């Protein structure tokens, strides 16, 4: 309970930091490029320190790592309280929090087997996986936008510091843990690096032989990339298209978060009816349509603003609240589609992967997510500033449709297997 409580608080707070800083940077710069760069700073630590984080955690007291990382993240927020609304401070804090989180996550995952009975490991891991995804929804989509919109940034910074400190105190109650191996040195680090390269090579060899698993990895990496792009562009979309302040980004991320929850509720019924591969295909098509709809929002906004519906009002939101409603519904649909892609794809991975290859394949997944997110974020901000947000959304829709088309054969084959198995297991007449 203590470890789970620490995860809930710290992961939610970490996601809330990123979300709030995106809003802050957008308000200060009114630049999509600046927002993209901010998110890049949250991804770079995973690329630079991801491997080192796991090695260091294995050679130190994990309980101490959990206590220190939460305390350090609380301390990293202090500059925001002292320096105020500064873009340099925002970049620095975002990088520091993301870097420290690299060490918290593996320490937390490695602690679970030492405090949970073996028979309860599956349930414990399921709970922590659910919380990991739920923390993104609550922190990034709900907590930060709502508190910033209603009470301002300082209230949110104090809330986040408090959450990190409580998480650190909860970790103090955990049993002491011994280092999992010998002391870290250059020779040991080199040996671990060699084993890691060999493991990744084995994972890629397995992926070449199993197209469905490969496509499941691509689907998950794609959706995470879309979320990163949406996070970078959402404040600009609210400002440029809806003619509202950046703090009103909740009109987009709020419905999207509700859509994720509704999608999760519907998914069990839908996947039983059509199978997980077809649920993924449906989610991809709906995502592409939602992206095209958001791309078309700006032209429609211009038409409505100049028409008798909009009159001469500068705020489209005040003139056409139903237009904001349409955009919010589109964001809601996007959230539903996200659930229909990510959860079945992750379930397919868990079902199809043998135990002896699972860890290495999930390592490849983490690398894919980082790479897939890193490259587009370098491009989307400047592209949105040069040509507008609509072309970026259209390009994303084309990519999603291309992935749907390229993976269709593997999904159809898997869907046929699901149909045959369902027919065999259904009771007669």
Protein backbone atom coordinates (compact mmCIF):
# COMPACT_ATOMS: atom_id res chain seq x y z
CA UNK A 1 0.00 0.00 0.00
CA UNK A 2 2.85 2.39 0.83
CA UNK A 3 4.65 1.70 -2.43
CA UNK A 4 1.44 1.96 -4.44
CA UNK A 5 0.50 5.21 -2.69
CA UNK A 6 3.94 6.60 -3.49
CA UNK A 7 3.47 5.63 -7.13
CA UNK A 8 0.04 7.26 -7.35
CA UNK A 9 1.27 10.53 -5.85
CA UNK A 10 4.67 10.77 -7.54
CA UNK A 11 3.66 9.69 -11.06
CA UNK A 12 0.59 11.94 -11.01
CA UNK A 13 2.72 14.85 -9.80
CA UNK A 14 5.40 14.18 -12.43
CA UNK A 15 2.83 14.21 -15.24
CA UNK A 16 1.20 17.32 -13.80
CA UNK A 17 4.57 19.13 -13.90
CA UNK A 18 4.95 18.44 -17.62
CA UNK A 19 1.37 19.46 -18.39
CA UNK A 20 1.56 22.71 -16.40
CA UNK A 21 4.93 23.65 -17.87
CA UNK A 22 3.55 23.19 -21.39
CA UNK A 23 0.79 25.67 -20.55
CA UNK A 24 3.26 28.07 -18.91
CA UNK A 25 5.71 28.02 -21.84
CA UNK A 26 2.85 28.51 -24.31
CA UNK A 27 1.63 31.54 -22.35
CA UNK A 28 5.12 33.06 -22.19
CA UNK A 29 6.21 32.45 -25.78
CA UNK A 30 3.02 31.84 -27.84
CA UNK A 31 5.22 29.45 -29.81
CA UNK A 32 4.56 25.82 -30.77
CA UNK A 33 8.31 25.32 -31.21
CA UNK A 34 8.93 26.21 -27.55
CA UNK A 35 6.29 23.71 -26.43
CA UNK A 36 7.85 20.97 -28.57
CA UNK A 37 11.29 21.73 -27.12
CA UNK A 38 9.89 21.49 -23.60
CA UNK A 39 8.54 17.99 -24.23
CA UNK A 40 11.83 17.02 -25.86
CA UNK A 41 13.55 17.92 -22.59
CA UNK A 42 11.30 15.38 -20.86
CA UNK A 43 12.23 12.66 -23.38
CA UNK A 44 15.99 13.29 -23.65
CA UNK A 45 16.76 11.88 -20.14
CA UNK A 46 15.20 8.54 -21.13
CA UNK A 47 17.52 8.39 -24.14
CA UNK A 48 20.63 9.53 -22.22
CA UNK A 49 20.19 7.89 -18.82
CA UNK A 50 17.65 5.08 -19.29
CA UNK A 51 20.27 2.32 -19.35
CA UNK A 52 22.40 3.84 -16.61
CA UNK A 53 19.35 4.25 -14.38
CA UNK A 54 18.63 0.53 -14.38
CA UNK A 55 22.27 -0.41 -13.71
CA UNK A 56 22.63 2.05 -10.82
CA UNK A 57 19.35 0.93 -9.26
CA UNK A 58 20.54 -2.69 -9.31
CA UNK A 59 23.70 -1.71 -7.39
CA UNK A 60 22.17 0.45 -4.66
CA UNK A 61 19.55 0.28 -1.92
CA UNK A 62 16.26 0.60 -3.83
CA UNK A 63 14.40 1.92 -0.80
CA UNK A 64 16.94 4.73 -0.55
CA UNK A 65 16.58 5.44 -4.28
CA UNK A 66 12.79 5.77 -3.90
CA UNK A 67 13.11 8.13 -0.91
CA UNK A 68 15.77 10.32 -2.52
CA UNK A 69 14.19 10.55 -5.98
CA UNK A 70 10.88 11.76 -4.58
CA UNK A 71 12.63 14.30 -2.33
CA UNK A 72 14.78 15.52 -5.25
CA UNK A 73 11.74 16.01 -7.46
CA UNK A 74 10.09 18.05 -4.73
CA UNK A 75 13.26 20.16 -4.49
CA UNK A 76 13.35 20.57 -8.28
CA UNK A 77 10.00 22.41 -8.17
CA UNK A 78 11.31 25.04 -5.74
CA UNK A 79 12.84 27.26 -8.48
CA UNK A 80 9.36 27.71 -9.93
CA UNK A 81 8.20 29.09 -6.58
CA UNK A 82 11.23 31.36 -6.18
CA UNK A 83 12.03 32.50 -9.74
CA UNK A 84 8.46 32.88 -10.90
CA UNK A 85 7.26 32.54 -14.48
CA UNK A 86 10.52 32.18 -16.40
CA UNK A 87 10.96 30.09 -19.54
CA UNK A 88 14.53 29.18 -18.55
CA UNK A 89 13.33 27.97 -15.18
CA UNK A 90 10.54 25.97 -16.84
CA UNK A 91 13.01 24.20 -19.13
CA UNK A 92 15.41 23.49 -16.28
CA UNK A 93 12.74 22.10 -13.93
CA UNK A 94 11.23 19.91 -16.63
CA UNK A 95 14.63 18.38 -17.44
CA UNK A 96 15.49 17.81 -13.78
CA UNK A 97 12.16 16.14 -12.92
CA UNK A 98 12.34 13.89 -15.99
CA UNK A 99 15.94 12.92 -15.21
CA UNK A 100 15.23 11.96 -11.60
CA UNK A 101 12.11 10.01 -12.69
CA UNK A 102 14.38 7.77 -14.81
CA UNK A 103 15.78 6.37 -11.56
CA UNK A 104 12.48 6.20 -9.67
CA UNK A 105 10.62 3.96 -12.15
CA UNK A 106 13.06 0.98 -12.26
CA UNK A 107 13.62 1.19 -8.49
CA UNK A 108 9.88 0.99 -7.94
CA UNK A 109 9.40 -1.95 -10.35
CA UNK A 110 12.33 -3.84 -8.81
CA UNK A 111 10.97 -3.33 -5.28
CA UNK A 112 7.63 -5.03 -5.94
CA UNK A 113 8.93 -8.67 -5.90
CA UNK A 114 10.74 -8.07 -2.60
CA UNK A 115 7.63 -6.98 -0.70
CA UNK A 116 4.83 -8.92 -2.49
CA UNK A 117 4.23 -12.65 -2.17
CA UNK A 118 4.98 -14.59 -5.36
CA UNK A 119 1.37 -15.69 -5.75
CA UNK A 120 0.25 -12.04 -5.72
CA UNK A 121 2.82 -10.71 -8.20
CA UNK A 122 0.49 -10.80 -11.22
CA UNK A 123 -2.19 -8.82 -9.39
CA UNK A 124 0.37 -6.35 -8.03
CA UNK A 125 1.95 -5.76 -11.44
CA UNK A 126 -1.49 -5.32 -13.02
CA UNK A 127 -2.36 -2.73 -10.39
CA UNK A 128 0.88 -0.82 -10.89
CA UNK A 129 0.53 -0.92 -14.69
CA UNK A 130 -3.00 0.44 -14.43
CA UNK A 131 -1.82 3.17 -12.05
CA UNK A 132 1.08 4.09 -14.35
CA UNK A 133 -1.37 4.83 -17.18
CA UNK A 134 -3.98 6.33 -14.88
CA UNK A 135 -1.41 8.74 -13.43
CA UNK A 136 -0.91 10.20 -16.89
CA UNK A 137 -4.64 10.69 -17.29
CA UNK A 138 -5.12 12.29 -13.87
CA UNK A 139 -1.91 14.37 -13.77
CA UNK A 140 -1.49 15.51 -17.36
CA UNK A 141 -5.11 15.79 -18.46
CA UNK A 142 -7.10 16.57 -15.31
CA UNK A 143 -5.11 17.85 -12.31
CA UNK A 144 -2.75 20.38 -13.90
CA UNK A 145 -5.13 22.05 -16.40
CA UNK A 146 -7.96 22.37 -13.87
CA UNK A 147 -5.84 23.74 -10.97
CA UNK A 148 -3.99 26.16 -13.27
CA UNK A 149 -7.25 27.35 -14.81
CA UNK A 150 -9.03 27.84 -11.48
CA UNK A 151 -6.29 28.79 -9.00
CA UNK A 152 -3.10 29.55 -10.95
CA UNK A 153 0.40 28.09 -11.19
CA UNK A 154 1.60 28.74 -7.64
CA UNK A 155 -1.19 26.65 -6.15
CA UNK A 156 -0.26 23.81 -8.47
CA UNK A 157 3.47 24.03 -7.62
CA UNK A 158 2.70 23.80 -3.87
CA UNK A 159 0.37 20.86 -4.53
CA UNK A 160 3.05 19.02 -6.53
CA UNK A 161 5.76 19.62 -3.92
CA UNK A 162 3.43 18.26 -1.25
CA UNK A 163 2.64 15.15 -3.32
CA UNK A 164 6.34 14.37 -3.88
CA UNK A 165 7.16 14.87 -0.18
CA UNK A 166 4.31 12.60 0.96
CA UNK A 167 5.49 9.96 -1.53
CA UNK A 168 9.00 10.19 -0.06
CA UNK A 169 7.63 9.75 3.47
CA UNK A 170 5.62 6.71 2.36
CA UNK A 171 8.79 5.14 0.97
CA UNK A 172 10.43 5.60 4.39
CA UNK A 173 8.02 2.95 5.71
CA UNK A 174 9.26 0.33 3.23
CA UNK A 175 11.58 -2.45 4.47
CA UNK A 176 15.27 -1.85 3.92
CA UNK A 177 16.60 -3.43 0.74
CA UNK A 178 20.11 -4.64 0.01
CA UNK A 179 21.82 -3.84 -3.29
CA UNK A 180 20.92 -6.47 -5.87
CA UNK A 181 24.48 -7.08 -7.03
CA UNK A 182 28.10 -6.19 -6.66
CA UNK A 183 29.33 -2.61 -6.58
CA UNK A 184 29.04 -0.77 -9.88
CA UNK A 185 32.37 -0.31 -11.67
CA UNK A 186 33.60 0.26 -15.23
CA UNK A 187 34.08 -3.47 -15.96
CA UNK A 188 30.61 -4.35 -14.66
CA UNK A 189 28.99 -1.52 -16.62
CA UNK A 190 30.73 -2.70 -19.81
CA UNK A 191 29.59 -6.27 -19.22
CA UNK A 192 26.01 -5.10 -18.65
CA UNK A 193 26.16 -3.06 -21.85
CA UNK A 194 27.30 -6.12 -23.83
CA UNK A 195 24.47 -8.23 -22.39
CA UNK A 196 21.98 -5.49 -23.18
CA UNK A 197 23.08 -5.32 -26.83
CA UNK A 198 22.79 -9.12 -27.09
CA UNK A 199 19.32 -9.01 -25.54
CA UNK A 200 18.13 -6.32 -27.94
CA UNK A 201 19.46 -8.35 -30.89
CA UNK A 202 17.50 -11.39 -29.65
CA UNK A 203 14.38 -9.26 -29.31
CA UNK A 204 14.63 -7.93 -32.87
CA UNK A 205 15.22 -11.47 -34.18
CA UNK A 206 12.02 -12.59 -32.46
CA UNK A 207 10.08 -9.58 -33.77
CA UNK A 208 11.06 -10.35 -37.37
CA UNK A 209 9.43 -13.77 -36.96
CA UNK A 210 6.22 -12.48 -35.36
CA UNK A 211 4.59 -9.69 -37.41
CA UNK A 212 1.61 -9.29 -35.06
CA UNK A 213 3.86 -8.57 -32.08
CA UNK A 214 5.91 -6.16 -34.19
CA UNK A 215 2.80 -4.26 -35.23
CA UNK A 216 1.54 -4.19 -31.64
CA UNK A 217 4.79 -2.44 -30.67
CA UNK A 218 4.36 0.04 -33.52
CA UNK A 219 0.75 0.80 -32.52
CA UNK A 220 1.75 1.56 -28.93
CA UNK A 221 4.71 3.70 -30.00
CA UNK A 222 2.46 5.55 -32.48
CA UNK A 223 -0.21 6.40 -29.92
CA UNK A 224 2.37 7.61 -27.41
CA UNK A 225 3.89 9.80 -30.12
CA UNK A 226 0.47 11.24 -30.98
CA UNK A 227 -0.11 12.05 -27.31
CA UNK A 228 3.26 13.84 -27.15
CA UNK A 229 2.46 15.82 -30.31
CA UNK A 230 -1.01 16.67 -29.03
CA UNK A 231 0.47 17.84 -25.74
CA UNK A 232 2.91 20.10 -27.57
CA UNK A 233 0.30 21.60 -29.90
CA UNK A 234 -2.79 21.75 -27.65
CA UNK A 235 -2.06 25.21 -26.15
CA UNK A 236 -1.39 26.61 -29.64
CA UNK A 237 -4.57 25.03 -30.95
CA UNK A 238 -6.63 26.61 -28.18
CA UNK A 239 -4.97 29.97 -28.79
CA UNK A 240 -4.98 30.03 -32.60
CA UNK A 241 -8.15 28.10 -33.46
CA UNK A 242 -10.52 28.57 -30.54
CA UNK A 243 -9.26 32.11 -29.83
CA UNK A 244 -9.01 31.34 -26.09
CA UNK A 245 -6.20 31.67 -23.57
CA UNK A 246 -3.74 28.80 -23.19
CA UNK A 247 -5.03 27.98 -19.72
CA UNK A 248 -8.30 26.92 -21.34
CA UNK A 249 -6.51 23.91 -22.82
CA UNK A 250 -8.79 21.87 -20.54
CA UNK A 251 -11.53 22.16 -23.21
CA UNK A 252 -9.37 19.78 -25.26
CA UNK A 253 -7.54 17.58 -22.78
CA UNK A 254 -10.53 17.19 -20.45
CA UNK A 255 -12.85 15.56 -23.04
CA UNK A 256 -9.91 13.49 -24.32
CA UNK A 257 -9.34 12.15 -20.80
CA UNK A 258 -13.03 11.32 -20.39
CA UNK A 259 -12.86 9.61 -23.78
CA UNK A 260 -10.02 7.39 -22.57
CA UNK A 261 -12.11 6.29 -19.57
CA UNK A 262 -15.22 5.65 -21.70
CA UNK A 263 -13.09 3.76 -24.21
CA UNK A 264 -11.76 1.51 -21.45
CA UNK A 265 -15.34 0.84 -20.31
CA UNK A 266 -16.48 -0.06 -23.84
CA UNK A 267 -13.39 -2.00 -24.83
CA UNK A 268 -14.18 -5.29 -23.12
CA UNK A 269 -17.55 -5.53 -24.88
CA UNK A 270 -16.20 -4.44 -28.26
CA UNK A 271 -13.13 -6.68 -28.20
CA UNK A 272 -15.28 -9.72 -27.36
CA UNK A 273 -17.48 -8.96 -30.36
CA UNK A 274 -14.90 -8.17 -33.03
CA UNK A 275 -11.59 -9.25 -31.49
CA UNK A 276 -8.63 -7.17 -30.35
CA UNK A 277 -6.97 -6.85 -33.80
CA UNK A 278 -10.15 -5.38 -35.33
CA UNK A 279 -10.60 -3.09 -32.30
CA UNK A 280 -7.10 -1.73 -33.02
CA UNK A 281 -7.97 -1.22 -36.69
CA UNK A 282 -11.16 0.62 -35.76
CA UNK A 283 -9.24 2.82 -33.33
CA UNK A 284 -6.69 3.75 -36.01
CA UNK A 285 -9.38 4.77 -38.52
CA UNK A 286 -11.26 6.82 -35.91
CA UNK A 287 -7.99 8.49 -34.88
CA UNK A 288 -7.24 9.46 -38.48
CA UNK A 289 -10.74 10.91 -38.90
CA UNK A 290 -10.45 12.84 -35.61
CA UNK A 291 -7.11 14.32 -36.70
CA UNK A 292 -8.60 15.42 -40.04
CA UNK A 293 -11.53 16.99 -38.16
CA UNK A 294 -9.16 18.94 -35.91
CA UNK A 295 -7.16 20.03 -38.97
CA UNK A 296 -10.37 21.37 -40.52
CA UNK A 297 -11.26 23.30 -37.37
CA UNK A 298 -9.19 26.38 -38.23
CA UNK A 299 -10.78 26.99 -41.68
CA UNK A 300 -14.24 26.52 -40.18
CA UNK A 301 -13.32 28.87 -37.34
CA UNK A 302 -12.31 31.56 -39.84
CA UNK A 303 -15.52 31.12 -41.83
CA UNK A 304 -17.74 31.25 -38.76
CA UNK A 305 -15.88 34.22 -37.27
CA UNK A 306 -16.48 36.25 -40.44
CA UNK A 307 -20.10 35.17 -40.86
CA UNK A 308 -23.24 36.55 -39.30
CA UNK A 309 -22.95 33.79 -36.67
CA UNK A 310 -19.71 35.23 -35.38
CA UNK A 311 -20.29 38.88 -36.16
CA UNK A 312 -17.36 41.08 -35.31
CA UNK A 313 -16.54 39.39 -32.02
CA UNK A 314 -12.85 38.72 -31.50
CA UNK A 315 -13.45 35.67 -29.33
CA UNK A 316 -14.81 32.80 -31.32
CA UNK A 317 -15.52 31.01 -28.04
CA UNK A 318 -17.91 33.78 -27.00
CA UNK A 319 -19.56 33.90 -30.42
CA UNK A 320 -19.82 30.20 -31.11
CA UNK A 321 -19.83 28.04 -28.00
CA UNK A 322 -21.23 25.19 -30.08
CA UNK A 323 -18.03 25.27 -32.14
CA UNK A 324 -15.97 24.65 -29.01
CA UNK A 325 -18.41 21.85 -28.25
CA UNK A 326 -17.73 20.23 -31.62
CA UNK A 327 -13.98 20.39 -31.05
CA UNK A 328 -14.40 18.95 -27.54
CA UNK A 329 -16.47 16.07 -28.91
CA UNK A 330 -13.72 15.38 -31.46
CA UNK A 331 -11.16 15.32 -28.64
CA UNK A 332 -13.45 12.91 -26.74
CA UNK A 333 -13.58 10.59 -29.75
CA UNK A 334 -9.80 10.77 -30.01
CA UNK A 335 -9.56 9.60 -26.38
CA UNK A 336 -11.88 6.65 -27.05
CA UNK A 337 -9.80 5.67 -30.09
CA UNK A 338 -6.61 5.88 -28.01
CA UNK A 339 -8.01 3.24 -25.63
CA UNK A 340 -9.08 1.04 -28.54
CA UNK A 341 -5.52 1.01 -29.90
CA UNK A 342 -3.23 1.01 -26.87
CA UNK A 343 -4.91 -1.45 -24.51
CA UNK A 344 -5.58 -4.26 -27.05
CA UNK A 345 -2.05 -3.82 -28.45
CA UNK A 346 -0.52 -4.14 -24.97
CA UNK A 347 -2.74 -7.16 -24.24
CA UNK A 348 -1.62 -8.82 -27.48
CA UNK A 349 1.99 -8.31 -26.42
CA UNK A 350 1.39 -9.88 -23.03
CA UNK A 351 -0.45 -12.85 -24.58
CA UNK A 352 1.91 -13.53 -27.48
CA UNK A 353 5.32 -12.99 -25.87
CA UNK A 354 7.12 -15.94 -24.20
CA UNK A 355 8.39 -15.27 -20.69
CA UNK A 356 12.05 -15.55 -21.68
CA UNK A 357 11.81 -12.75 -24.26
CA UNK A 358 9.22 -10.47 -22.67
CA UNK A 359 11.58 -8.16 -20.79
CA UNK A 360 13.78 -7.57 -23.81
CA UNK A 361 10.83 -6.83 -26.09
CA UNK A 362 9.43 -4.33 -23.60
CA UNK A 363 12.88 -2.77 -23.53
CA UNK A 364 12.63 -2.38 -27.30
CA UNK A 365 9.17 -0.87 -26.78
CA UNK A 366 10.56 1.80 -24.45
CA UNK A 367 13.26 2.59 -26.99
CA UNK A 368 10.71 2.78 -29.80
CA UNK A 369 8.49 5.13 -27.80
CA UNK A 370 11.43 7.44 -27.08
CA UNK A 371 12.65 7.46 -30.69
CA UNK A 372 9.16 7.78 -32.20
CA UNK A 373 8.43 10.71 -29.90
CA UNK A 374 11.83 12.37 -30.25
CA UNK A 375 11.97 12.74 -34.04
CA UNK A 376 8.47 14.19 -34.69
CA UNK A 377 8.72 16.65 -31.81
CA UNK A 378 11.79 18.21 -33.44
CA UNK A 379 9.65 18.91 -36.51
CA UNK A 380 6.07 19.57 -35.40
CA UNK A 381 6.69 22.75 -33.40
CA UNK A 382 8.54 24.68 -36.12
CA UNK A 383 6.16 23.29 -38.78
CA UNK A 384 3.13 24.48 -36.81
CA UNK A 385 4.70 27.94 -36.39
CA UNK A 386 5.53 28.17 -40.11
CA UNK A 387 2.45 26.67 -41.76
CA UNK A 388 -0.10 26.38 -38.96
CA UNK A 389 -1.41 23.49 -36.90
CA UNK A 390 -3.75 22.12 -39.59
CA UNK A 391 -0.97 20.74 -41.88
CA UNK A 392 0.64 18.99 -38.90
CA UNK A 393 -2.63 17.28 -37.98
CA UNK A 394 -3.20 16.31 -41.62
CA UNK A 395 0.29 14.80 -41.83
CA UNK A 396 -0.35 12.88 -38.60
CA UNK A 397 -3.65 11.58 -40.06
CA UNK A 398 -1.81 10.37 -43.17
CA UNK A 399 0.75 8.54 -41.02
CA UNK A 400 -1.98 6.90 -38.93
CA UNK A 401 -3.84 5.78 -42.06
CA UNK A 402 -0.58 4.46 -43.50
CA UNK A 403 0.03 2.40 -40.36
CA UNK A 404 -3.55 1.10 -40.51
CA UNK A 405 -3.06 0.05 -44.14
CA UNK A 406 0.41 -1.46 -43.67
CA UNK A 407 -0.63 -3.55 -40.65
CA UNK A 408 -4.00 -4.63 -42.06
CA UNK A 409 -2.83 -8.07 -43.25
CA UNK A 410 -1.44 -9.05 -39.85
CA UNK A 411 -4.59 -7.79 -38.11
CA UNK A 412 -6.89 -9.67 -40.49
CA UNK A 413 -4.99 -12.92 -39.93
CA UNK A 414 -5.12 -12.47 -36.16
CA UNK A 415 -8.82 -11.54 -36.38
CA UNK A 416 -9.54 -14.73 -38.28
CA UNK A 417 -7.79 -16.77 -35.59
CA UNK A 418 -9.91 -14.98 -32.96
CA UNK A 419 -13.09 -15.82 -34.89
CA UNK A 420 -12.18 -19.50 -35.15
CA UNK A 421 -11.30 -19.75 -31.45
CA UNK A 422 -14.54 -17.95 -30.49
CA UNK A 423 -16.64 -20.34 -32.57
CA UNK A 424 -14.96 -23.34 -30.96
CA UNK A 425 -15.49 -22.08 -27.42
CA UNK A 426 -19.11 -20.89 -27.83
CA UNK A 427 -21.75 -23.35 -26.53
CA UNK A 428 -23.91 -25.00 -29.17
CA UNK A 429 -27.43 -23.82 -29.98
